[in-house]
Amino acid sequence: MFFTFLVLSIFVLLAGGTQKILQFYESKPQAIAFFKDNTSNDDIKAIEDALNQTGKTTSLNYVSKEDALKIYKERNKDNPTLLELVTANILPASLEISTANPEDLAPIAEVLKKEPVIDDVLYPADVVESIAKAAKTIRLIGGGTTLFLIMFSTMVLLIVIGFKIRLKRTEIETMKLLGASTWFIRMPFLLEGITYGVTGAFFGWLVTYGVLWYTTPFLEANFADMHFLPVSPIVMLILLAIELIVAAGIGCLGSYGAVRRYLKL
């Protein structure tokens, strides 16, 4: 039960983290078209209209040479050497393009490259696609592993409770002779299974939270721009509550199966 919910907690956090990373990259400009010098406003407007008419774009953001210089200075403010002799004239104006579907980037980029006023087009479609594949893989592997462990834990619980029922046959026979009801005899075994489940879930969650708390500074350093760390204690408490409910259900199911199979009343 401990390993089942340890894996479940890790899987949920990984799945949530990759989903946040994917949403972060999808919300960013996914393609950037750089204009040649002396491109007129009419040409820029015509390209924006053509992109909007495709129905594949979610946002377009024009960055002028002056805006590009501000961005450059902000990103390199800690390195004065890189700011020397850099003016707006040497930086290209650009158009930042976001699409709802990463697969739409390639055809849009090919169309833009054919425009005479476009100097170059950059689009990290492989990054978004790789993250999407990683998120899907984590869901499949994590979900499959968790499902297997839940089934395995239920079977182990059934065997353990069944073994304890066999050990307590004398006590059970005595309780039956004294007139104990069926559920009065069954209830301790059901509660024992629930206790195993809840205890395993709690310690699995606790270890996961400890590892997350220990690694959060390192993760924040690498994912600082995404602002999903540190994980809120409320989120972790909600995860704990859900796991305890699921664990109680698994414990009850396993012990009830053992009671029905081995406890003939």
C-alpha atoms as a PDB file:
ATOM      1  CA  MET A   1       0.000   0.000   0.000  1.00  0.00           C
ATOM      2  CA  PHE A   2       2.889   2.326   0.775  1.00  0.00           C
ATOM      3  CA  PHE A   3       4.560   1.808  -2.608  1.00  0.00           C
ATOM      4  CA  THR A   4       1.227   2.007  -4.401  1.00  0.00           C
ATOM      5  CA  PHE A   5       0.451   5.456  -3.058  1.00  0.00           C
ATOM      6  CA  LEU A   6       4.063   6.596  -3.240  1.00  0.00           C
ATOM      7  CA  VAL A   7       3.977   5.906  -6.976  1.00  0.00           C
ATOM      8  CA  LEU A   8       0.505   7.432  -7.238  1.00  0.00           C
ATOM      9  CA  SER A   9       1.611  10.658  -5.512  1.00  0.00           C
ATOM     10  CA  ILE A  10       4.714  10.967  -7.679  1.00  0.00           C
ATOM     11  CA  PHE A  11       2.696  10.248 -10.821  1.00  0.00           C
ATOM     12  CA  VAL A  12       0.088  12.901  -9.987  1.00  0.00           C
ATOM     13  CA  LEU A  13       2.754  15.545  -9.300  1.00  0.00           C
ATOM     14  CA  LEU A  14       4.708  14.678 -12.456  1.00  0.00           C
ATOM     15  CA  ALA A  15       1.572  14.717 -14.577  1.00  0.00           C
ATOM     16  CA  GLY A  16       0.508  18.059 -13.112  1.00  0.00           C
ATOM     17  CA  GLY A  17       3.991  19.520 -13.554  1.00  0.00           C
ATOM     18  CA  THR A  18       4.319  18.489 -17.201  1.00  0.00           C
ATOM     19  CA  GLN A  19       0.835  19.844 -17.889  1.00  0.00           C
ATOM     20  CA  LYS A  20       1.846  23.214 -16.402  1.00  0.00           C
ATOM     21  CA  ILE A  21       5.055  23.239 -18.469  1.00  0.00           C
ATOM     22  CA  LEU A  22       3.084  22.399 -21.609  1.00  0.00           C
ATOM     23  CA  GLN A  23       0.569  25.166 -20.924  1.00  0.00           C
ATOM     24  CA  PHE A  24       3.453  27.600 -20.347  1.00  0.00           C
ATOM     25  CA  TYR A  25       5.060  26.873 -23.709  1.00  0.00           C
ATOM     26  CA  GLU A  26       1.743  26.816 -25.535  1.00  0.00           C
ATOM     27  CA  SER A  27       0.896  30.249 -24.123  1.00  0.00           C
ATOM     28  CA  LYS A  28       4.163  31.692 -25.401  1.00  0.00           C
ATOM     29  CA  PRO A  29       4.787  32.903 -28.970  1.00  0.00           C
ATOM     30  CA  GLN A  30       5.442  29.655 -30.796  1.00  0.00           C
ATOM     31  CA  ALA A  31       6.869  31.193 -33.971  1.00  0.00           C
ATOM     32  CA  ILE A  32       8.733  34.434 -34.609  1.00  0.00           C
ATOM     33  CA  ALA A  33       8.959  35.986 -38.069  1.00  0.00           C
ATOM     34  CA  PHE A  34      11.753  38.556 -38.482  1.00  0.00           C
ATOM     35  CA  PHE A  35      11.132  41.372 -40.947  1.00  0.00           C
ATOM     36  CA  LYS A  36      13.731  42.825 -43.252  1.00  0.00           C
ATOM     37  CA  ASP A  37      14.776  46.426 -42.746  1.00  0.00           C
ATOM     38  CA  ASN A  38      12.538  49.096 -44.247  1.00  0.00           C
ATOM     39  CA  THR A  39       9.467  46.849 -44.237  1.00  0.00           C
ATOM     40  CA  SER A  40       6.414  49.083 -44.510  1.00  0.00           C
ATOM     41  CA  ASN A  41       3.511  49.057 -42.095  1.00  0.00           C
ATOM     42  CA  ASP A  42       1.209  48.105 -44.972  1.00  0.00           C
ATOM     43  CA  ASP A  43       3.222  44.929 -45.637  1.00  0.00           C
ATOM     44  CA  ILE A  44       3.153  44.025 -41.944  1.00  0.00           C
ATOM     45  CA  LYS A  45      -0.608  44.626 -41.782  1.00  0.00           C
ATOM     46  CA  ALA A  46      -1.162  42.504 -44.882  1.00  0.00           C
ATOM     47  CA  ILE A  47       0.735  39.585 -43.357  1.00  0.00           C
ATOM     48  CA  GLU A  48      -1.196  39.880 -40.087  1.00  0.00           C
ATOM     49  CA  ASP A  49      -4.513  39.865 -41.965  1.00  0.00           C
ATOM     50  CA  ALA A  50      -3.459  36.841 -44.000  1.00  0.00           C
ATOM     51  CA  LEU A  51      -2.508  34.931 -40.835  1.00  0.00           C
ATOM     52  CA  ASN A  52      -5.766  35.819 -39.109  1.00  0.00           C
ATOM     53  CA  GLN A  53      -7.736  34.564 -42.102  1.00  0.00           C
ATOM     54  CA  THR A  54      -6.178  31.092 -41.799  1.00  0.00           C
ATOM     55  CA  GLY A  55      -8.047  30.565 -38.507  1.00  0.00           C
ATOM     56  CA  LYS A  56      -5.033  28.721 -37.081  1.00  0.00           C
ATOM     57  CA  THR A  57      -3.526  31.543 -35.023  1.00  0.00           C
ATOM     58  CA  THR A  58      -4.556  32.454 -31.497  1.00  0.00           C
ATOM     59  CA  SER A  59      -2.544  35.666 -31.120  1.00  0.00           C
ATOM     60  CA  LEU A  60      -0.229  37.933 -33.093  1.00  0.00           C
ATOM     61  CA  ASN A  61       2.162  40.393 -31.465  1.00  0.00           C
ATOM     62  CA  TYR A  62       4.217  42.877 -33.470  1.00  0.00           C
ATOM     63  CA  VAL A  63       7.568  43.801 -31.884  1.00  0.00           C
ATOM     64  CA  SER A  64       9.164  46.930 -33.308  1.00  0.00           C
ATOM     65  CA  LYS A  65      12.896  47.633 -33.362  1.00  0.00           C
ATOM     66  CA  GLU A  66      12.532  49.848 -30.286  1.00  0.00           C
ATOM     67  CA  ASP A  67      10.604  47.148 -28.431  1.00  0.00           C
ATOM     68  CA  ALA A  68      13.239  44.604 -29.431  1.00  0.00           C
ATOM     69  CA  LEU A  69      15.933  46.858 -27.961  1.00  0.00           C
ATOM     70  CA  LYS A  70      14.027  47.127 -24.660  1.00  0.00           C
ATOM     71  CA  ILE A  71      13.675  43.342 -24.491  1.00  0.00           C
ATOM     72  CA  TYR A  72      17.363  42.895 -25.288  1.00  0.00           C
ATOM     73  CA  LYS A  73      18.415  45.330 -22.558  1.00  0.00           C
ATOM     74  CA  GLU A  74      16.120  43.690 -19.996  1.00  0.00           C
ATOM     75  CA  ARG A  75      17.483  40.214 -20.725  1.00  0.00           C
ATOM     76  CA  ASN A  76      21.109  41.340 -20.598  1.00  0.00           C
ATOM     77  CA  LYS A  77      20.928  43.955 -17.842  1.00  0.00           C
ATOM     78  CA  ASP A  78      23.397  41.960 -15.733  1.00  0.00           C
ATOM     79  CA  ASN A  79      26.005  41.950 -18.498  1.00  0.00           C
ATOM     80  CA  PRO A  80      26.874  45.554 -19.482  1.00  0.00           C
ATOM     81  CA  THR A  81      29.395  44.357 -22.064  1.00  0.00           C
ATOM     82  CA  LEU A  82      26.606  42.990 -24.237  1.00  0.00           C
ATOM     83  CA  LEU A  83      24.791  46.343 -24.133  1.00  0.00           C
ATOM     84  CA  GLU A  84      27.631  48.361 -25.632  1.00  0.00           C
ATOM     85  CA  LEU A  85      27.086  49.683 -29.151  1.00  0.00           C
ATOM     86  CA  VAL A  86      23.719  47.926 -29.456  1.00  0.00           C
ATOM     87  CA  THR A  87      21.053  50.167 -30.970  1.00  0.00           C
ATOM     88  CA  ALA A  88      17.547  49.642 -32.262  1.00  0.00           C
ATOM     89  CA  ASN A  89      18.768  49.916 -35.863  1.00  0.00           C
ATOM     90  CA  ILE A  90      20.692  46.647 -35.753  1.00  0.00           C
ATOM     91  CA  LEU A  91      17.793  44.667 -34.268  1.00  0.00           C
ATOM     92  CA  PRO A  92      15.036  43.377 -36.547  1.00  0.00           C
ATOM     93  CA  ALA A  93      11.348  43.983 -36.078  1.00  0.00           C
ATOM     94  CA  SER A  94       9.400  40.774 -35.640  1.00  0.00           C
ATOM     95  CA  LEU A  95       5.967  39.219 -35.437  1.00  0.00           C
ATOM     96  CA  GLU A  96       5.277  36.735 -32.626  1.00  0.00           C
ATOM     97  CA  ILE A  97       2.729  34.094 -33.617  1.00  0.00           C
ATOM     98  CA  SER A  98       0.869  31.660 -31.370  1.00  0.00           C
ATOM     99  CA  THR A  99      -1.275  28.779 -32.596  1.00  0.00           C
ATOM    100  CA  ALA A 100      -3.712  26.540 -30.754  1.00  0.00           C
ATOM    101  CA  ASN A 101      -2.171  23.443 -32.327  1.00  0.00           C
ATOM    102  CA  PRO A 102       1.645  23.054 -32.584  1.00  0.00           C
ATOM    103  CA  GLU A 103       1.171  21.108 -35.844  1.00  0.00           C
ATOM    104  CA  ASP A 104      -0.016  24.335 -37.499  1.00  0.00           C
ATOM    105  CA  LEU A 105       3.352  26.029 -36.999  1.00  0.00           C
ATOM    106  CA  ALA A 106       5.183  24.264 -39.821  1.00  0.00           C
ATOM    107  CA  PRO A 107       2.783  25.211 -42.660  1.00  0.00           C
ATOM    108  CA  ILE A 108       2.498  28.783 -41.365  1.00  0.00           C
ATOM    109  CA  ALA A 109       6.294  29.068 -41.183  1.00  0.00           C
ATOM    110  CA  GLU A 110       6.661  27.775 -44.748  1.00  0.00           C
ATOM    111  CA  VAL A 111       4.184  30.374 -46.010  1.00  0.00           C
ATOM    112  CA  LEU A 112       5.945  33.183 -44.145  1.00  0.00           C
ATOM    113  CA  LYS A 113       9.360  32.205 -45.517  1.00  0.00           C
ATOM    114  CA  LYS A 114       8.061  32.818 -49.036  1.00  0.00           C
ATOM    115  CA  GLU A 115       7.135  36.411 -48.217  1.00  0.00           C
ATOM    116  CA  PRO A 116       9.739  38.831 -49.686  1.00  0.00           C
ATOM    117  CA  VAL A 117       9.678  41.062 -46.563  1.00  0.00           C
ATOM    118  CA  ILE A 118      10.419  38.151 -44.171  1.00  0.00           C
ATOM    119  CA  ASP A 119      14.086  37.596 -43.411  1.00  0.00           C
ATOM    120  CA  ASP A 120      13.776  34.454 -41.245  1.00  0.00           C
ATOM    121  CA  VAL A 121      11.249  32.412 -39.258  1.00  0.00           C
ATOM    122  CA  LEU A 122      11.985  30.593 -36.026  1.00  0.00           C
ATOM    123  CA  TYR A 123       9.583  28.118 -34.423  1.00  0.00           C
ATOM    124  CA  PRO A 124      10.450  25.626 -31.643  1.00  0.00           C
ATOM    125  CA  ALA A 125       7.693  23.203 -32.576  1.00  0.00           C
ATOM    126  CA  ASP A 126       9.870  20.284 -31.545  1.00  0.00           C
ATOM    127  CA  VAL A 127       9.990  21.595 -27.955  1.00  0.00           C
ATOM    128  CA  VAL A 128       6.214  21.759 -27.536  1.00  0.00           C
ATOM    129  CA  GLU A 129       5.754  18.439 -29.306  1.00  0.00           C
ATOM    130  CA  SER A 130       8.371  16.761 -27.111  1.00  0.00           C
ATOM    131  CA  ILE A 131       6.732  18.063 -23.935  1.00  0.00           C
ATOM    132  CA  ALA A 132       3.315  16.914 -25.155  1.00  0.00           C
ATOM    133  CA  LYS A 133       4.691  13.434 -25.845  1.00  0.00           C
ATOM    134  CA  ALA A 134       6.411  13.375 -22.442  1.00  0.00           C
ATOM    135  CA  ALA A 135       3.172  14.357 -20.691  1.00  0.00           C
ATOM    136  CA  LYS A 136       1.262  11.622 -22.541  1.00  0.00           C
ATOM    137  CA  THR A 137       3.958   9.053 -21.731  1.00  0.00           C
ATOM    138  CA  ILE A 138       3.909   9.981 -18.035  1.00  0.00           C
ATOM    139  CA  ARG A 139       0.133   9.591 -17.944  1.00  0.00           C
ATOM    140  CA  LEU A 140       0.232   6.204 -19.649  1.00  0.00           C
ATOM    141  CA  ILE A 141       3.145   4.765 -17.668  1.00  0.00           C
ATOM    142  CA  GLY A 142       2.092   6.311 -14.355  1.00  0.00           C
ATOM    143  CA  GLY A 143      -1.534   5.322 -14.787  1.00  0.00           C
ATOM    144  CA  GLY A 144      -0.660   1.775 -15.847  1.00  0.00           C
ATOM    145  CA  THR A 145       1.834   1.304 -13.025  1.00  0.00           C
ATOM    146  CA  THR A 146      -0.576   2.693 -10.437  1.00  0.00           C
ATOM    147  CA  LEU A 147      -3.420   0.507 -11.685  1.00  0.00           C
ATOM    148  CA  PHE A 148      -1.187  -2.575 -11.506  1.00  0.00           C
ATOM    149  CA  LEU A 149      -0.030  -1.716  -7.985  1.00  0.00           C
ATOM    150  CA  ILE A 150      -3.619  -1.120  -6.836  1.00  0.00           C
ATOM    151  CA  MET A 151      -4.642  -4.541  -8.139  1.00  0.00           C
ATOM    152  CA  PHE A 152      -1.539  -6.122  -6.615  1.00  0.00           C
ATOM    153  CA  SER A 153      -2.132  -4.423  -3.250  1.00  0.00           C
ATOM    154  CA  THR A 154      -5.745  -5.564  -3.221  1.00  0.00           C
ATOM    155  CA  MET A 155      -4.680  -9.163  -3.863  1.00  0.00           C
ATOM    156  CA  VAL A 156      -1.981  -9.024  -1.170  1.00  0.00           C
ATOM    157  CA  LEU A 157      -4.482  -7.557   1.266  1.00  0.00           C
ATOM    158  CA  LEU A 158      -6.960 -10.298   0.434  1.00  0.00           C
ATOM    159  CA  ILE A 159      -4.328 -12.974   1.120  1.00  0.00           C
ATOM    160  CA  VAL A 160      -3.109 -11.366   4.363  1.00  0.00           C
ATOM    161  CA  ILE A 161      -6.614 -10.885   5.793  1.00  0.00           C
ATOM    162  CA  GLY A 162      -7.544 -14.406   4.676  1.00  0.00           C
ATOM    163  CA  PHE A 163      -4.494 -15.784   6.465  1.00  0.00           C
ATOM    164  CA  LYS A 164      -5.445 -13.929   9.657  1.00  0.00           C
ATOM    165  CA  ILE A 165      -8.987 -15.275   9.431  1.00  0.00           C
ATOM    166  CA  ARG A 166      -7.597 -18.798   9.297  1.00  0.00           C
ATOM    167  CA  LEU A 167      -5.402 -18.101  12.343  1.00  0.00           C
ATOM    168  CA  LYS A 168      -8.396 -16.853  14.315  1.00  0.00           C
ATOM    169  CA  ARG A 169     -10.771 -19.694  13.478  1.00  0.00           C
ATOM    170  CA  THR A 170     -11.044 -20.719  17.139  1.00  0.00           C
ATOM    171  CA  GLU A 171     -11.943 -17.198  18.281  1.00  0.00           C
ATOM    172  CA  ILE A 172     -14.453 -16.852  15.435  1.00  0.00           C
ATOM    173  CA  GLU A 173     -16.135 -20.152  16.339  1.00  0.00           C
ATOM    174  CA  THR A 174     -16.332 -19.036  19.967  1.00  0.00           C
ATOM    175  CA  MET A 175     -17.921 -15.705  18.986  1.00  0.00           C
ATOM    176  CA  LYS A 176     -20.480 -17.535  16.820  1.00  0.00           C
ATOM    177  CA  LEU A 177     -21.370 -19.828  19.734  1.00  0.00           C
ATOM    178  CA  LEU A 178     -21.838 -16.782  21.967  1.00  0.00           C
ATOM    179  CA  GLY A 179     -24.313 -15.332  19.456  1.00  0.00           C
ATOM    180  CA  ALA A 180     -22.188 -12.636  17.769  1.00  0.00           C
ATOM    181  CA  SER A 181     -23.748 -11.250  14.577  1.00  0.00           C
ATOM    182  CA  THR A 182     -22.153 -11.750  11.167  1.00  0.00           C
ATOM    183  CA  TRP A 183     -21.109  -8.105  10.806  1.00  0.00           C
ATOM    184  CA  PHE A 184     -19.800  -7.988  14.369  1.00  0.00           C
ATOM    185  CA  ILE A 185     -17.336 -10.733  13.397  1.00  0.00           C
ATOM    186  CA  ARG A 186     -16.528  -9.273   9.988  1.00  0.00           C
ATOM    187  CA  MET A 187     -16.053  -5.654  11.077  1.00  0.00           C
ATOM    188  CA  PRO A 188     -12.588  -6.000  12.719  1.00  0.00           C
ATOM    189  CA  PHE A 189     -11.167  -7.512   9.519  1.00  0.00           C
ATOM    190  CA  LEU A 190     -12.709  -4.776   7.392  1.00  0.00           C
ATOM    191  CA  LEU A 191     -11.334  -2.085   9.697  1.00  0.00           C
ATOM    192  CA  GLU A 192      -7.918  -3.747   9.616  1.00  0.00           C
ATOM    193  CA  GLY A 193      -7.867  -3.617   5.800  1.00  0.00           C
ATOM    194  CA  ILE A 194      -8.925   0.034   5.818  1.00  0.00           C
ATOM    195  CA  THR A 195      -6.205   0.792   8.390  1.00  0.00           C
ATOM    196  CA  TYR A 196      -3.558  -0.815   6.180  1.00  0.00           C
ATOM    197  CA  GLY A 197      -4.732   1.229   3.210  1.00  0.00           C
ATOM    198  CA  VAL A 198      -4.983   4.573   5.007  1.00  0.00           C
ATOM    199  CA  THR A 199      -1.638   4.132   6.792  1.00  0.00           C
ATOM    200  CA  GLY A 200       0.160   3.164   3.582  1.00  0.00           C
ATOM    201  CA  ALA A 201      -1.381   6.099   1.706  1.00  0.00           C
ATOM    202  CA  PHE A 202      -0.424   8.589   4.406  1.00  0.00           C
ATOM    203  CA  PHE A 203       3.225   7.532   4.563  1.00  0.00           C
ATOM    204  CA  GLY A 204       3.458   7.330   0.761  1.00  0.00           C
ATOM    205  CA  TRP A 205       2.127  10.899   0.537  1.00  0.00           C
ATOM    206  CA  LEU A 206       4.408  12.027   3.377  1.00  0.00           C
ATOM    207  CA  VAL A 207       7.566  10.701   1.691  1.00  0.00           C
ATOM    208  CA  THR A 208       6.524  12.281  -1.615  1.00  0.00           C
ATOM    209  CA  TYR A 209       5.893  15.645   0.068  1.00  0.00           C
ATOM    210  CA  GLY A 210       9.278  15.429   1.800  1.00  0.00           C
ATOM    211  CA  VAL A 211      11.093  14.740  -1.476  1.00  0.00           C
ATOM    212  CA  LEU A 212       9.174  17.548  -3.186  1.00  0.00           C
ATOM    213  CA  TRP A 213       9.985  19.980  -0.377  1.00  0.00           C
ATOM    214  CA  TYR A 214      13.684  19.037  -0.536  1.00  0.00           C
ATOM    215  CA  THR A 215      13.945  19.390  -4.329  1.00  0.00           C
ATOM    216  CA  THR A 216      11.799  22.521  -4.700  1.00  0.00           C
ATOM    217  CA  PRO A 217      14.763  25.000  -4.582  1.00  0.00           C
ATOM    218  CA  PHE A 218      16.494  23.111  -7.398  1.00  0.00           C
ATOM    219  CA  LEU A 219      13.294  22.884  -9.448  1.00  0.00           C
ATOM    220  CA  GLU A 220      12.511  26.577  -8.922  1.00  0.00           C
ATOM    221  CA  ALA A 221      15.942  27.495 -10.278  1.00  0.00           C
ATOM    222  CA  ASN A 222      15.204  25.616 -13.507  1.00  0.00           C
ATOM    223  CA  PHE A 223      11.509  26.481 -13.898  1.00  0.00           C
ATOM    224  CA  ALA A 224      11.453  29.971 -12.414  1.00  0.00           C
ATOM    225  CA  ASP A 225       9.538  31.517 -15.332  1.00  0.00           C
ATOM    226  CA  MET A 226       6.657  29.070 -15.075  1.00  0.00           C
ATOM    227  CA  HIS A 227       5.507  30.060 -11.567  1.00  0.00           C
ATOM    228  CA  PHE A 228       3.974  26.731 -10.520  1.00  0.00           C
ATOM    229  CA  LEU A 229       6.438  26.125  -7.694  1.00  0.00           C
ATOM    230  CA  PRO A 230       6.379  25.774  -4.754  1.00  0.00           C
ATOM    231  CA  VAL A 231       3.328  23.514  -4.802  1.00  0.00           C
ATOM    232  CA  SER A 232       0.588  24.910  -2.593  1.00  0.00           C
ATOM    233  CA  PRO A 233       0.055  23.067   0.716  1.00  0.00           C
ATOM    234  CA  ILE A 234      -3.665  23.189  -0.033  1.00  0.00           C
ATOM    235  CA  VAL A 235      -3.075  21.191  -3.232  1.00  0.00           C
ATOM    236  CA  MET A 236      -1.047  18.631  -1.298  1.00  0.00           C
ATOM    237  CA  LEU A 237      -3.747  18.351   1.373  1.00  0.00           C
ATOM    238  CA  ILE A 238      -6.385  17.824  -1.305  1.00  0.00           C
ATOM    239  CA  LEU A 239      -4.160  15.111  -2.811  1.00  0.00           C
ATOM    240  CA  LEU A 240      -3.832  13.518   0.632  1.00  0.00           C
ATOM    241  CA  ALA A 241      -7.595  13.563   1.193  1.00  0.00           C
ATOM    242  CA  ILE A 242      -8.239  11.928  -2.186  1.00  0.00           C
ATOM    243  CA  GLU A 243      -5.569   9.295  -1.566  1.00  0.00           C
ATOM    244  CA  LEU A 244      -6.952   8.482   1.879  1.00  0.00           C
ATOM    245  CA  ILE A 245     -10.434   7.992   0.421  1.00  0.00           C
ATOM    246  CA  VAL A 246      -9.083   5.782  -2.379  1.00  0.00           C
ATOM    247  CA  ALA A 247      -6.904   3.865   0.108  1.00  0.00           C
ATOM    248  CA  ALA A 248      -9.849   3.273   2.417  1.00  0.00           C
ATOM    249  CA  GLY A 249     -11.826   1.968  -0.542  1.00  0.00           C
ATOM    250  CA  ILE A 250      -9.016  -0.370  -1.620  1.00  0.00           C
ATOM    251  CA  GLY A 251      -8.528  -1.608   1.949  1.00  0.00           C
ATOM    252  CA  CYS A 252     -12.222  -2.204   2.377  1.00  0.00           C
ATOM    253  CA  LEU A 253     -12.473  -3.986  -0.991  1.00  0.00           C
ATOM    254  CA  GLY A 254      -9.513  -6.282  -0.291  1.00  0.00           C
ATOM    255  CA  SER A 255     -10.598  -7.176   3.224  1.00  0.00           C
ATOM    256  CA  TYR A 256     -14.233  -7.636   2.193  1.00  0.00           C
ATOM    257  CA  GLY A 257     -13.106 -10.039  -0.536  1.00  0.00           C
ATOM    258  CA  ALA A 258     -11.139 -11.999   2.042  1.00  0.00           C
ATOM    259  CA  VAL A 259     -14.065 -12.052   4.462  1.00  0.00           C
ATOM    260  CA  ARG A 260     -16.465 -13.280   1.772  1.00  0.00           C
ATOM    261  CA  ARG A 261     -14.028 -15.952   0.648  1.00  0.00           C
ATOM    262  CA  TYR A 262     -12.565 -17.282   3.871  1.00  0.00           C
ATOM    263  CA  LEU A 263     -15.097 -16.374   6.580  1.00  0.00           C
ATOM    264  CA  LYS A 264     -18.030 -18.721   6.224  1.00  0.00           C
ATOM    265  CA  LEU A 265     -20.736 -17.611   8.631  1.00  0.00           C
END
